[in-house]
N, C-alpha and C. Protein backbone atom coordinates (compact mmCIF):
# COMPACT_ATOMS: atom_id res chain seq x y z
N MET A 1 3.18 11.69 -11.33
CA MET A 1 4.09 10.87 -12.14
C MET A 1 3.73 9.39 -12.04
N SER A 2 3.28 8.96 -10.84
CA SER A 2 2.97 7.55 -10.61
C SER A 2 1.87 7.05 -11.54
N GLU A 3 0.98 7.94 -11.96
CA GLU A 3 -0.13 7.53 -12.83
C GLU A 3 0.33 7.14 -14.23
N TYR A 4 1.57 7.46 -14.57
CA TYR A 4 2.08 7.14 -15.90
C TYR A 4 2.99 5.91 -15.92
N TRP A 5 3.16 5.27 -14.74
CA TRP A 5 4.06 4.11 -14.68
C TRP A 5 3.57 2.96 -15.55
N LEU A 6 2.28 2.67 -15.52
CA LEU A 6 1.72 1.58 -16.33
C LEU A 6 1.95 1.86 -17.81
N GLU A 7 1.71 3.08 -18.19
CA GLU A 7 1.92 3.50 -19.58
C GLU A 7 3.40 3.32 -19.95
N PHE A 8 4.28 3.73 -19.07
CA PHE A 8 5.71 3.63 -19.33
C PHE A 8 6.15 2.17 -19.47
N PHE A 9 5.72 1.31 -18.56
CA PHE A 9 6.13 -0.10 -18.60
C PHE A 9 5.58 -0.80 -19.85
N THR A 10 4.37 -0.42 -20.25
CA THR A 10 3.82 -0.98 -21.50
C THR A 10 4.67 -0.56 -22.68
N LEU A 11 5.01 0.73 -22.72
CA LEU A 11 5.85 1.29 -23.78
C LEU A 11 7.21 0.59 -23.81
N ALA A 12 7.81 0.44 -22.63
CA ALA A 12 9.14 -0.18 -22.53
C ALA A 12 9.10 -1.64 -22.95
N GLY A 13 8.04 -2.34 -22.59
CA GLY A 13 7.92 -3.76 -22.94
C GLY A 13 7.78 -3.97 -24.44
N VAL A 14 6.93 -3.18 -25.06
CA VAL A 14 6.73 -3.29 -26.52
C VAL A 14 8.03 -2.93 -27.24
N HIS A 15 8.70 -1.89 -26.75
CA HIS A 15 9.96 -1.45 -27.37
C HIS A 15 11.03 -2.52 -27.24
N LEU A 16 11.11 -3.19 -26.08
CA LEU A 16 12.11 -4.23 -25.87
C LEU A 16 11.94 -5.37 -26.87
N ILE A 17 10.70 -5.77 -27.10
CA ILE A 17 10.44 -6.83 -28.08
C ILE A 17 10.88 -6.39 -29.48
N ALA A 18 10.57 -5.14 -29.81
CA ALA A 18 10.90 -4.63 -31.14
C ALA A 18 12.40 -4.51 -31.35
N VAL A 19 13.11 -3.96 -30.36
CA VAL A 19 14.54 -3.70 -30.52
C VAL A 19 15.34 -5.00 -30.52
N ALA A 20 14.79 -6.05 -29.87
CA ALA A 20 15.48 -7.34 -29.82
C ALA A 20 15.31 -8.14 -31.11
N SER A 21 14.37 -7.72 -31.95
CA SER A 21 14.13 -8.42 -33.21
C SER A 21 15.20 -8.03 -34.23
N PRO A 22 15.80 -9.01 -34.91
CA PRO A 22 16.84 -8.70 -35.92
C PRO A 22 16.31 -7.80 -37.02
N GLY A 23 17.09 -6.83 -37.39
CA GLY A 23 16.72 -5.89 -38.45
C GLY A 23 17.97 -5.22 -38.99
N PRO A 24 17.81 -4.14 -39.74
CA PRO A 24 18.98 -3.45 -40.30
C PRO A 24 19.93 -2.91 -39.23
N ASP A 25 19.39 -2.45 -38.08
CA ASP A 25 20.25 -1.97 -37.00
C ASP A 25 21.18 -3.08 -36.51
N PHE A 26 20.60 -4.25 -36.30
CA PHE A 26 21.37 -5.41 -35.85
C PHE A 26 22.46 -5.75 -36.86
N ALA A 27 22.10 -5.73 -38.13
CA ALA A 27 23.05 -6.10 -39.19
C ALA A 27 24.25 -5.16 -39.23
N VAL A 28 24.00 -3.84 -39.13
CA VAL A 28 25.12 -2.90 -39.22
C VAL A 28 26.01 -2.94 -37.98
N VAL A 29 25.41 -3.20 -36.81
CA VAL A 29 26.21 -3.30 -35.59
C VAL A 29 27.11 -4.54 -35.65
N VAL A 30 26.55 -5.66 -36.08
CA VAL A 30 27.34 -6.89 -36.21
C VAL A 30 28.49 -6.67 -37.17
N ARG A 31 28.19 -6.04 -38.30
CA ARG A 31 29.24 -5.82 -39.30
C ARG A 31 30.35 -4.92 -38.78
N HIS A 32 29.97 -3.84 -38.08
CA HIS A 32 30.99 -2.92 -37.55
C HIS A 32 31.81 -3.57 -36.44
N ALA A 33 31.16 -4.39 -35.62
CA ALA A 33 31.89 -5.07 -34.54
C ALA A 33 32.93 -6.02 -35.11
N ILE A 34 32.59 -6.73 -36.17
CA ILE A 34 33.50 -7.70 -36.78
C ILE A 34 34.61 -7.00 -37.56
N SER A 35 34.24 -6.00 -38.33
CA SER A 35 35.20 -5.37 -39.24
C SER A 35 36.08 -4.33 -38.59
N HIS A 36 35.54 -3.61 -37.58
CA HIS A 36 36.29 -2.48 -37.02
C HIS A 36 36.51 -2.54 -35.52
N GLY A 37 35.90 -3.51 -34.85
CA GLY A 37 36.14 -3.65 -33.42
C GLY A 37 35.12 -2.96 -32.53
N ARG A 38 35.35 -3.09 -31.23
CA ARG A 38 34.38 -2.65 -30.22
C ARG A 38 34.08 -1.16 -30.26
N LYS A 39 35.12 -0.33 -30.30
CA LYS A 39 34.93 1.12 -30.21
C LYS A 39 34.06 1.64 -31.34
N VAL A 40 34.34 1.20 -32.55
CA VAL A 40 33.58 1.66 -33.72
C VAL A 40 32.13 1.15 -33.65
N ALA A 41 31.96 -0.12 -33.23
CA ALA A 41 30.61 -0.68 -33.11
C ALA A 41 29.79 0.07 -32.07
N ILE A 42 30.43 0.48 -30.98
CA ILE A 42 29.73 1.24 -29.94
C ILE A 42 29.26 2.59 -30.48
N TRP A 43 30.11 3.24 -31.29
CA TRP A 43 29.69 4.52 -31.87
C TRP A 43 28.57 4.33 -32.89
N CYS A 44 28.58 3.22 -33.57
CA CYS A 44 27.46 2.90 -34.46
C CYS A 44 26.18 2.74 -33.65
N SER A 45 26.29 2.08 -32.49
CA SER A 45 25.15 1.89 -31.59
C SER A 45 24.62 3.22 -31.06
N ILE A 46 25.54 4.13 -30.73
CA ILE A 46 25.14 5.47 -30.27
C ILE A 46 24.39 6.20 -31.37
N GLY A 47 24.86 6.05 -32.60
CA GLY A 47 24.17 6.65 -33.75
C GLY A 47 22.75 6.13 -33.88
N ILE A 48 22.57 4.82 -33.65
CA ILE A 48 21.23 4.23 -33.70
C ILE A 48 20.35 4.83 -32.62
N GLY A 49 20.91 5.02 -31.42
CA GLY A 49 20.15 5.65 -30.33
C GLY A 49 19.69 7.05 -30.69
N PHE A 50 20.56 7.83 -31.34
CA PHE A 50 20.17 9.17 -31.77
C PHE A 50 19.13 9.11 -32.88
N GLY A 51 19.20 8.06 -33.69
CA GLY A 51 18.18 7.89 -34.73
C GLY A 51 16.79 7.72 -34.14
N ILE A 52 16.73 7.06 -32.97
CA ILE A 52 15.45 6.90 -32.26
C ILE A 52 14.87 8.25 -31.90
N LEU A 53 15.73 9.18 -31.48
CA LEU A 53 15.25 10.52 -31.13
C LEU A 53 14.58 11.20 -32.32
N LEU A 54 15.07 10.92 -33.52
CA LEU A 54 14.46 11.49 -34.73
C LEU A 54 13.03 10.99 -34.87
N HIS A 55 12.84 9.68 -34.70
CA HIS A 55 11.48 9.10 -34.80
C HIS A 55 10.57 9.66 -33.72
N VAL A 56 11.10 9.76 -32.52
CA VAL A 56 10.31 10.28 -31.40
C VAL A 56 9.90 11.73 -31.66
N ALA A 57 10.85 12.51 -32.19
CA ALA A 57 10.58 13.93 -32.42
C ALA A 57 9.45 14.13 -33.41
N TYR A 58 9.51 13.45 -34.57
CA TYR A 58 8.44 13.71 -35.53
C TYR A 58 7.13 13.02 -35.16
N SER A 59 7.20 12.00 -34.29
CA SER A 59 5.95 11.40 -33.78
C SER A 59 5.24 12.38 -32.86
N LEU A 60 6.02 13.06 -32.00
CA LEU A 60 5.43 14.02 -31.07
C LEU A 60 4.97 15.28 -31.78
N LEU A 61 5.67 15.66 -32.85
CA LEU A 61 5.32 16.88 -33.58
C LEU A 61 4.21 16.66 -34.62
N GLY A 62 3.85 15.40 -34.83
CA GLY A 62 2.80 15.10 -35.80
C GLY A 62 3.32 14.94 -37.22
N ILE A 63 4.65 15.06 -37.41
CA ILE A 63 5.21 14.93 -38.76
C ILE A 63 5.10 13.49 -39.23
N GLY A 64 5.20 12.54 -38.28
CA GLY A 64 5.08 11.13 -38.64
C GLY A 64 3.72 10.83 -39.26
N LEU A 65 2.67 11.44 -38.68
CA LEU A 65 1.32 11.25 -39.23
C LEU A 65 1.22 11.84 -40.62
N LEU A 66 1.88 12.98 -40.83
CA LEU A 66 1.90 13.61 -42.15
C LEU A 66 2.56 12.70 -43.18
N ILE A 67 3.69 12.09 -42.77
CA ILE A 67 4.39 11.16 -43.68
C ILE A 67 3.50 9.97 -44.02
N LYS A 68 2.84 9.43 -42.99
CA LYS A 68 2.00 8.25 -43.20
C LYS A 68 0.81 8.54 -44.09
N THR A 69 0.22 9.72 -43.95
CA THR A 69 -1.00 10.05 -44.69
C THR A 69 -0.73 10.78 -46.01
N THR A 70 0.54 11.03 -46.32
CA THR A 70 0.91 11.64 -47.60
C THR A 70 1.66 10.59 -48.41
N PRO A 71 0.96 9.91 -49.34
CA PRO A 71 1.55 8.76 -50.06
C PRO A 71 2.91 9.02 -50.68
N TRP A 72 3.08 10.16 -51.36
CA TRP A 72 4.34 10.37 -52.07
C TRP A 72 5.50 10.59 -51.10
N LEU A 73 5.22 11.16 -49.90
CA LEU A 73 6.26 11.33 -48.89
C LEU A 73 6.71 9.98 -48.35
N TYR A 74 5.72 9.14 -48.02
CA TYR A 74 6.03 7.83 -47.47
C TYR A 74 6.72 6.94 -48.50
N GLN A 75 6.25 7.02 -49.75
CA GLN A 75 6.88 6.24 -50.81
C GLN A 75 8.32 6.70 -51.04
N GLY A 76 8.52 8.01 -50.97
CA GLY A 76 9.87 8.54 -51.13
C GLY A 76 10.79 8.03 -50.04
N LEU A 77 10.29 7.99 -48.79
CA LEU A 77 11.07 7.48 -47.67
C LEU A 77 11.44 6.02 -47.90
N ILE A 78 10.49 5.23 -48.38
CA ILE A 78 10.74 3.81 -48.63
C ILE A 78 11.80 3.62 -49.70
N PHE A 79 11.70 4.37 -50.80
CA PHE A 79 12.68 4.24 -51.88
C PHE A 79 14.09 4.65 -51.41
N ILE A 80 14.16 5.72 -50.63
CA ILE A 80 15.45 6.16 -50.11
C ILE A 80 16.03 5.12 -49.16
N ALA A 81 15.18 4.60 -48.26
CA ALA A 81 15.63 3.59 -47.30
C ALA A 81 16.08 2.32 -48.03
N ALA A 82 15.29 1.88 -49.01
CA ALA A 82 15.65 0.67 -49.77
C ALA A 82 16.98 0.85 -50.46
N GLY A 83 17.18 2.01 -51.09
CA GLY A 83 18.44 2.29 -51.78
C GLY A 83 19.61 2.31 -50.82
N TYR A 84 19.39 2.89 -49.64
CA TYR A 84 20.48 2.98 -48.66
C TYR A 84 20.84 1.60 -48.11
N PHE A 85 19.84 0.78 -47.81
CA PHE A 85 20.12 -0.57 -47.31
C PHE A 85 20.90 -1.39 -48.34
N VAL A 86 20.50 -1.28 -49.60
CA VAL A 86 21.20 -2.00 -50.67
C VAL A 86 22.63 -1.47 -50.79
N PHE A 87 22.78 -0.16 -50.67
CA PHE A 87 24.11 0.47 -50.79
C PHE A 87 25.07 -0.04 -49.72
N ILE A 88 24.64 -0.03 -48.45
CA ILE A 88 25.55 -0.48 -47.39
C ILE A 88 25.72 -2.00 -47.43
N GLY A 89 24.71 -2.70 -47.94
CA GLY A 89 24.84 -4.15 -48.11
C GLY A 89 25.90 -4.49 -49.13
N ILE A 90 25.90 -3.77 -50.25
CA ILE A 90 26.93 -3.96 -51.28
C ILE A 90 28.30 -3.61 -50.71
N GLY A 91 28.34 -2.57 -49.89
CA GLY A 91 29.60 -2.19 -49.24
C GLY A 91 30.14 -3.31 -48.37
N ALA A 92 29.24 -4.02 -47.67
CA ALA A 92 29.65 -5.14 -46.83
C ALA A 92 30.19 -6.29 -47.67
N LEU A 93 29.54 -6.56 -48.79
CA LEU A 93 29.99 -7.63 -49.68
C LEU A 93 31.35 -7.31 -50.27
N ARG A 94 31.55 -6.05 -50.64
CA ARG A 94 32.84 -5.65 -51.21
C ARG A 94 33.94 -5.69 -50.16
N ALA A 95 33.59 -5.30 -48.94
CA ALA A 95 34.59 -5.28 -47.87
C ALA A 95 35.02 -6.69 -47.50
N SER A 96 34.10 -7.65 -47.62
CA SER A 96 34.42 -9.03 -47.25
C SER A 96 35.49 -9.62 -48.15
N ALA A 97 35.67 -9.03 -49.31
CA ALA A 97 36.69 -9.53 -50.23
C ALA A 97 38.07 -8.99 -49.89
N GLN A 98 38.11 -8.00 -49.00
CA GLN A 98 39.39 -7.40 -48.61
C GLN A 98 39.75 -7.87 -47.20
N VAL A 99 40.56 -8.90 -47.13
CA VAL A 99 40.92 -9.48 -45.84
C VAL A 99 41.93 -8.58 -45.14
N THR A 100 41.57 -8.10 -43.94
CA THR A 100 42.46 -7.24 -43.17
C THR A 100 42.66 -7.85 -41.80
N SER A 101 43.87 -8.03 -41.39
CA SER A 101 44.15 -8.64 -40.10
C SER A 101 43.82 -7.67 -38.97
N ALA A 102 43.52 -8.22 -37.79
CA ALA A 102 43.21 -7.38 -36.63
C ALA A 102 44.41 -6.54 -36.25
N LYS A 103 45.60 -7.08 -36.48
CA LYS A 103 46.81 -6.35 -36.11
C LYS A 103 46.96 -5.10 -36.96
N SER A 104 46.71 -5.21 -38.25
CA SER A 104 46.85 -4.05 -39.13
C SER A 104 45.78 -3.01 -38.85
N GLU A 105 44.62 -3.47 -38.34
CA GLU A 105 43.56 -2.53 -37.98
C GLU A 105 44.04 -1.63 -36.83
N GLU A 106 44.80 -2.21 -35.90
CA GLU A 106 45.20 -1.48 -34.71
C GLU A 106 46.26 -0.43 -34.98
N VAL A 107 47.02 -0.61 -36.08
CA VAL A 107 48.10 0.33 -36.35
C VAL A 107 47.69 1.44 -37.31
N ASN A 108 46.38 1.56 -37.58
CA ASN A 108 45.90 2.65 -38.43
C ASN A 108 46.21 3.99 -37.76
N LYS A 109 46.34 5.04 -38.54
CA LYS A 109 46.58 6.37 -37.99
C LYS A 109 45.37 6.84 -37.20
N GLU A 110 45.62 7.72 -36.23
CA GLU A 110 44.54 8.21 -35.37
C GLU A 110 43.47 8.91 -36.18
N GLY A 111 43.87 9.64 -37.22
CA GLY A 111 42.89 10.32 -38.06
C GLY A 111 41.96 9.35 -38.73
N ALA A 112 42.49 8.22 -39.18
CA ALA A 112 41.65 7.20 -39.82
C ALA A 112 40.69 6.59 -38.82
N LYS A 113 41.18 6.41 -37.57
CA LYS A 113 40.30 5.86 -36.53
C LYS A 113 39.13 6.80 -36.26
N GLN A 114 39.42 8.09 -36.17
CA GLN A 114 38.37 9.08 -35.94
C GLN A 114 37.38 9.08 -37.09
N LEU A 115 37.87 8.91 -38.28
CA LEU A 115 36.99 8.86 -39.45
C LEU A 115 36.06 7.66 -39.36
N HIS A 116 36.61 6.53 -38.92
CA HIS A 116 35.78 5.34 -38.76
C HIS A 116 34.68 5.60 -37.73
N ILE A 117 35.02 6.29 -36.65
CA ILE A 117 34.04 6.57 -35.60
C ILE A 117 32.92 7.45 -36.12
N ILE A 118 33.29 8.50 -36.84
CA ILE A 118 32.29 9.41 -37.42
C ILE A 118 31.42 8.66 -38.43
N GLN A 119 32.05 7.86 -39.27
CA GLN A 119 31.30 7.10 -40.26
C GLN A 119 30.36 6.10 -39.59
N ALA A 120 30.86 5.45 -38.53
CA ALA A 120 30.04 4.47 -37.82
C ALA A 120 28.81 5.13 -37.20
N PHE A 121 29.02 6.29 -36.56
CA PHE A 121 27.89 7.03 -35.97
C PHE A 121 26.89 7.40 -37.06
N ARG A 122 27.40 7.89 -38.20
CA ARG A 122 26.53 8.30 -39.30
C ARG A 122 25.73 7.13 -39.86
N VAL A 123 26.41 5.98 -40.03
CA VAL A 123 25.73 4.79 -40.55
C VAL A 123 24.63 4.35 -39.60
N GLY A 124 24.92 4.33 -38.29
CA GLY A 124 23.91 3.94 -37.31
C GLY A 124 22.72 4.88 -37.31
N PHE A 125 23.01 6.18 -37.35
CA PHE A 125 21.95 7.20 -37.33
C PHE A 125 21.07 7.11 -38.58
N ILE A 126 21.70 7.04 -39.75
CA ILE A 126 20.95 7.02 -41.00
C ILE A 126 20.18 5.71 -41.15
N THR A 127 20.81 4.58 -40.78
CA THR A 127 20.14 3.29 -40.91
C THR A 127 18.86 3.26 -40.10
N ASN A 128 18.92 3.74 -38.87
CA ASN A 128 17.71 3.77 -38.04
C ASN A 128 16.75 4.87 -38.48
N GLY A 129 17.30 6.04 -38.77
CA GLY A 129 16.44 7.18 -39.12
C GLY A 129 15.66 6.99 -40.40
N LEU A 130 16.23 6.23 -41.36
CA LEU A 130 15.56 6.03 -42.65
C LEU A 130 14.63 4.82 -42.66
N ASN A 131 14.67 4.02 -41.62
CA ASN A 131 13.88 2.78 -41.60
C ASN A 131 12.38 3.10 -41.53
N PRO A 132 11.63 2.87 -42.61
CA PRO A 132 10.21 3.22 -42.60
C PRO A 132 9.39 2.39 -41.62
N LYS A 133 9.86 1.17 -41.32
CA LYS A 133 9.15 0.35 -40.35
C LYS A 133 9.28 0.96 -38.95
N ALA A 134 10.43 1.57 -38.67
CA ALA A 134 10.61 2.26 -37.40
C ALA A 134 9.71 3.48 -37.33
N THR A 135 9.53 4.15 -38.48
CA THR A 135 8.63 5.30 -38.55
C THR A 135 7.22 4.90 -38.13
N LEU A 136 6.71 3.83 -38.72
CA LEU A 136 5.36 3.37 -38.42
C LEU A 136 5.27 2.83 -36.98
N PHE A 137 6.34 2.17 -36.53
CA PHE A 137 6.35 1.61 -35.18
C PHE A 137 6.18 2.71 -34.13
N PHE A 138 7.00 3.75 -34.24
CA PHE A 138 6.94 4.82 -33.23
C PHE A 138 5.67 5.65 -33.35
N LEU A 139 5.19 5.81 -34.57
CA LEU A 139 3.93 6.51 -34.75
C LEU A 139 2.80 5.75 -34.06
N SER A 140 2.78 4.42 -34.26
CA SER A 140 1.76 3.57 -33.63
C SER A 140 1.93 3.54 -32.12
N LEU A 141 3.19 3.47 -31.67
CA LEU A 141 3.48 3.39 -30.25
C LEU A 141 2.95 4.62 -29.51
N PHE A 142 3.21 5.80 -30.07
CA PHE A 142 2.78 7.03 -29.40
C PHE A 142 1.30 7.32 -29.64
N SER A 143 0.70 6.65 -30.61
CA SER A 143 -0.72 6.86 -30.87
C SER A 143 -1.59 5.91 -30.06
N VAL A 144 -1.13 4.68 -29.90
CA VAL A 144 -1.93 3.63 -29.26
C VAL A 144 -1.61 3.48 -27.78
N VAL A 145 -0.32 3.39 -27.45
CA VAL A 145 0.08 3.12 -26.07
C VAL A 145 0.03 4.38 -25.20
N VAL A 146 0.49 5.48 -25.76
CA VAL A 146 0.56 6.73 -24.99
C VAL A 146 -0.74 7.52 -25.15
N SER A 147 -1.32 7.89 -24.03
CA SER A 147 -2.58 8.62 -24.05
C SER A 147 -2.40 10.04 -24.60
N PHE A 148 -3.43 10.53 -25.25
CA PHE A 148 -3.41 11.88 -25.80
C PHE A 148 -3.27 12.91 -24.68
N GLU A 149 -3.80 12.57 -23.48
CA GLU A 149 -3.76 13.49 -22.35
C GLU A 149 -2.40 13.52 -21.64
N THR A 150 -1.52 12.59 -21.97
CA THR A 150 -0.21 12.57 -21.32
C THR A 150 0.55 13.85 -21.67
N PRO A 151 1.08 14.56 -20.67
CA PRO A 151 1.78 15.82 -20.93
C PRO A 151 2.98 15.63 -21.86
N LEU A 152 3.28 16.66 -22.62
CA LEU A 152 4.39 16.60 -23.57
C LEU A 152 5.72 16.32 -22.86
N SER A 153 5.88 16.87 -21.65
CA SER A 153 7.12 16.65 -20.90
C SER A 153 7.32 15.17 -20.58
N ILE A 154 6.23 14.47 -20.25
CA ILE A 154 6.30 13.03 -19.97
C ILE A 154 6.62 12.26 -21.25
N LYS A 155 5.99 12.67 -22.36
CA LYS A 155 6.25 12.01 -23.64
C LYS A 155 7.71 12.18 -24.05
N MET A 156 8.26 13.35 -23.76
CA MET A 156 9.66 13.58 -24.08
C MET A 156 10.57 12.69 -23.23
N MET A 157 10.19 12.48 -21.98
CA MET A 157 10.95 11.57 -21.12
C MET A 157 10.88 10.14 -21.65
N TYR A 158 9.69 9.75 -22.14
CA TYR A 158 9.57 8.44 -22.78
C TYR A 158 10.55 8.32 -23.95
N GLY A 159 10.57 9.36 -24.77
CA GLY A 159 11.43 9.36 -25.95
C GLY A 159 12.90 9.24 -25.60
N ILE A 160 13.32 9.98 -24.57
CA ILE A 160 14.72 9.92 -24.13
C ILE A 160 15.05 8.52 -23.64
N TYR A 161 14.12 7.93 -22.88
CA TYR A 161 14.34 6.56 -22.41
C TYR A 161 14.50 5.59 -23.58
N LEU A 162 13.62 5.69 -24.59
CA LEU A 162 13.66 4.79 -25.73
C LEU A 162 14.98 4.90 -26.48
N ALA A 163 15.47 6.14 -26.61
CA ALA A 163 16.75 6.36 -27.30
C ALA A 163 17.90 5.75 -26.50
N ILE A 164 17.91 5.99 -25.19
CA ILE A 164 18.99 5.47 -24.34
C ILE A 164 18.93 3.94 -24.28
N ALA A 165 17.72 3.39 -24.13
CA ALA A 165 17.56 1.93 -24.04
C ALA A 165 18.02 1.26 -25.33
N THR A 166 17.67 1.86 -26.47
CA THR A 166 18.09 1.29 -27.76
C THR A 166 19.61 1.34 -27.90
N GLY A 167 20.19 2.50 -27.59
CA GLY A 167 21.64 2.64 -27.68
C GLY A 167 22.35 1.65 -26.77
N LEU A 168 21.88 1.51 -25.53
CA LEU A 168 22.50 0.59 -24.58
C LEU A 168 22.39 -0.86 -25.05
N TRP A 169 21.23 -1.20 -25.61
CA TRP A 169 21.03 -2.57 -26.12
C TRP A 169 22.12 -2.92 -27.15
N PHE A 170 22.33 -2.02 -28.08
CA PHE A 170 23.31 -2.30 -29.13
C PHE A 170 24.75 -2.13 -28.65
N ILE A 171 24.96 -1.30 -27.64
CA ILE A 171 26.30 -1.20 -27.04
C ILE A 171 26.66 -2.52 -26.36
N VAL A 172 25.71 -3.09 -25.62
CA VAL A 172 25.94 -4.39 -24.99
C VAL A 172 26.21 -5.45 -26.05
N LEU A 173 25.44 -5.42 -27.14
CA LEU A 173 25.65 -6.36 -28.24
C LEU A 173 27.05 -6.18 -28.81
N SER A 174 27.48 -4.93 -28.98
CA SER A 174 28.82 -4.64 -29.51
C SER A 174 29.90 -5.21 -28.59
N MET A 175 29.71 -5.05 -27.28
CA MET A 175 30.70 -5.53 -26.33
C MET A 175 30.75 -7.05 -26.30
N LEU A 176 29.59 -7.68 -26.42
CA LEU A 176 29.56 -9.15 -26.44
C LEU A 176 30.25 -9.69 -27.69
N LEU A 177 29.96 -9.07 -28.83
CA LEU A 177 30.54 -9.53 -30.09
C LEU A 177 32.05 -9.33 -30.14
N SER A 178 32.54 -8.31 -29.42
CA SER A 178 33.96 -8.01 -29.47
C SER A 178 34.73 -8.56 -28.26
N SER A 179 34.06 -9.37 -27.42
CA SER A 179 34.77 -10.01 -26.31
C SER A 179 35.78 -11.01 -26.86
N ALA A 180 36.83 -11.27 -26.11
CA ALA A 180 37.97 -12.03 -26.61
C ALA A 180 37.59 -13.37 -27.24
N LYS A 181 36.82 -14.20 -26.52
CA LYS A 181 36.51 -15.54 -27.02
C LYS A 181 35.62 -15.48 -28.26
N ILE A 182 34.60 -14.63 -28.18
CA ILE A 182 33.68 -14.53 -29.32
C ILE A 182 34.38 -13.90 -30.52
N ASP A 183 35.24 -12.92 -30.25
CA ASP A 183 35.94 -12.23 -31.34
C ASP A 183 36.84 -13.18 -32.12
N VAL A 184 37.50 -14.12 -31.42
CA VAL A 184 38.35 -15.10 -32.11
C VAL A 184 37.53 -15.90 -33.11
N TRP A 185 36.35 -16.33 -32.68
CA TRP A 185 35.47 -17.12 -33.57
C TRP A 185 34.95 -16.26 -34.72
N LEU A 186 34.54 -15.01 -34.40
CA LEU A 186 34.01 -14.13 -35.42
C LEU A 186 35.06 -13.78 -36.47
N GLN A 187 36.29 -13.54 -36.02
CA GLN A 187 37.35 -13.20 -36.96
C GLN A 187 37.68 -14.38 -37.88
N ARG A 188 37.52 -15.59 -37.35
CA ARG A 188 37.77 -16.79 -38.15
C ARG A 188 36.78 -16.87 -39.31
N TYR A 189 35.55 -16.46 -39.05
CA TYR A 189 34.51 -16.54 -40.08
C TYR A 189 34.07 -15.14 -40.52
N ARG A 190 34.98 -14.19 -40.40
CA ARG A 190 34.66 -12.79 -40.67
C ARG A 190 34.10 -12.58 -42.07
N GLN A 191 34.77 -13.12 -43.07
CA GLN A 191 34.32 -12.91 -44.45
C GLN A 191 32.91 -13.45 -44.67
N GLN A 192 32.66 -14.67 -44.14
CA GLN A 192 31.34 -15.28 -44.32
C GLN A 192 30.25 -14.47 -43.63
N ILE A 193 30.54 -14.01 -42.39
CA ILE A 193 29.55 -13.23 -41.65
C ILE A 193 29.31 -11.89 -42.32
N ASP A 194 30.40 -11.27 -42.81
CA ASP A 194 30.28 -10.00 -43.52
C ASP A 194 29.37 -10.16 -44.74
N ARG A 195 29.55 -11.26 -45.45
CA ARG A 195 28.73 -11.51 -46.64
C ARG A 195 27.26 -11.75 -46.26
N VAL A 196 27.06 -12.48 -45.16
CA VAL A 196 25.69 -12.74 -44.71
C VAL A 196 25.00 -11.43 -44.32
N MET A 197 25.69 -10.58 -43.54
CA MET A 197 25.11 -9.30 -43.13
C MET A 197 24.85 -8.40 -44.34
N GLY A 198 25.77 -8.43 -45.30
CA GLY A 198 25.56 -7.66 -46.53
C GLY A 198 24.35 -8.15 -47.29
N ALA A 199 24.22 -9.48 -47.39
CA ALA A 199 23.08 -10.08 -48.09
C ALA A 199 21.77 -9.76 -47.38
N VAL A 200 21.81 -9.76 -46.03
CA VAL A 200 20.61 -9.43 -45.25
C VAL A 200 20.16 -8.01 -45.53
N LEU A 201 21.10 -7.07 -45.54
CA LEU A 201 20.77 -5.66 -45.79
C LEU A 201 20.22 -5.48 -47.21
N ILE A 202 20.84 -6.14 -48.18
CA ILE A 202 20.36 -6.05 -49.56
C ILE A 202 18.96 -6.64 -49.66
N PHE A 203 18.74 -7.77 -48.99
CA PHE A 203 17.42 -8.41 -49.01
C PHE A 203 16.37 -7.50 -48.39
N MET A 204 16.71 -6.84 -47.27
CA MET A 204 15.76 -5.92 -46.64
C MET A 204 15.42 -4.75 -47.55
N GLY A 205 16.46 -4.23 -48.21
CA GLY A 205 16.23 -3.11 -49.14
C GLY A 205 15.35 -3.52 -50.30
N LEU A 206 15.65 -4.66 -50.91
CA LEU A 206 14.87 -5.13 -52.05
C LEU A 206 13.46 -5.52 -51.63
N SER A 207 13.30 -6.05 -50.42
CA SER A 207 11.97 -6.40 -49.92
C SER A 207 11.10 -5.16 -49.76
N LEU A 208 11.69 -4.10 -49.19
CA LEU A 208 10.96 -2.83 -49.06
C LEU A 208 10.52 -2.33 -50.42
N LEU A 209 11.46 -2.38 -51.37
CA LEU A 209 11.18 -1.90 -52.72
C LEU A 209 10.09 -2.74 -53.38
N TYR A 210 10.18 -4.05 -53.24
CA TYR A 210 9.20 -4.96 -53.85
C TYR A 210 7.80 -4.73 -53.27
N GLN A 211 7.73 -4.63 -51.93
CA GLN A 211 6.43 -4.43 -51.29
C GLN A 211 5.78 -3.12 -51.75
N GLU A 212 6.61 -2.08 -51.91
CA GLU A 212 6.08 -0.80 -52.33
C GLU A 212 5.63 -0.82 -53.78
N LEU A 213 6.40 -1.48 -54.64
CA LEU A 213 6.02 -1.59 -56.05
C LEU A 213 4.74 -2.40 -56.23
N VAL A 214 4.62 -3.48 -55.44
CA VAL A 214 3.41 -4.29 -55.50
C VAL A 214 2.18 -3.46 -55.09
N SER A 215 2.34 -2.64 -54.03
CA SER A 215 1.23 -1.81 -53.58
C SER A 215 0.85 -0.74 -54.61
N LEU A 216 1.83 -0.32 -55.41
CA LEU A 216 1.57 0.71 -56.42
C LEU A 216 0.86 0.14 -57.64
N PHE A 217 1.21 -1.10 -57.99
CA PHE A 217 0.67 -1.67 -59.22
C PHE A 217 -0.27 -2.83 -58.93
């Protein structure tokens, strides 16, 4: 096991840099923390962590390479991801127009709260799972950093670590954003931040679409 420590630390270091970079995952966690509070944002973060397992699974099974080397599959993934980012971005812009007090959020029925949790997990999972840049990142990570001779059991342990580390990163972010002092400031500018996060997601979706169309024509 000791012979794989260098490989693991390299993998963990590259992943830390990538996960700390702002992207669609960051945008949806910020939006959920502001709009629905800590609990919902944490479940969104858990969904993102499970999304990482999806990337790891198809990277280990070779499906990621199939997607990368089959143009219509990869293009389809990009179009779906772009559409989804634009969709949730528009949702954020529409939600920002509906001002809801923190007090009224707390008195929602338990069934509605559970629905928010399920929706948050789904949004986190789909946002990460559909991200084509994450597809290429994990494919490259397991192709370049991880040796071909590394046993599958070790690679699976790497994957579990990456999923847990990603989930924990965004859980910590959720807790920081929903802390009392920060939450007061965020709620004061909730509509503006919601609009910014919505615009960021729409921009990411349109950028993916534009880059793909340019490559086609």
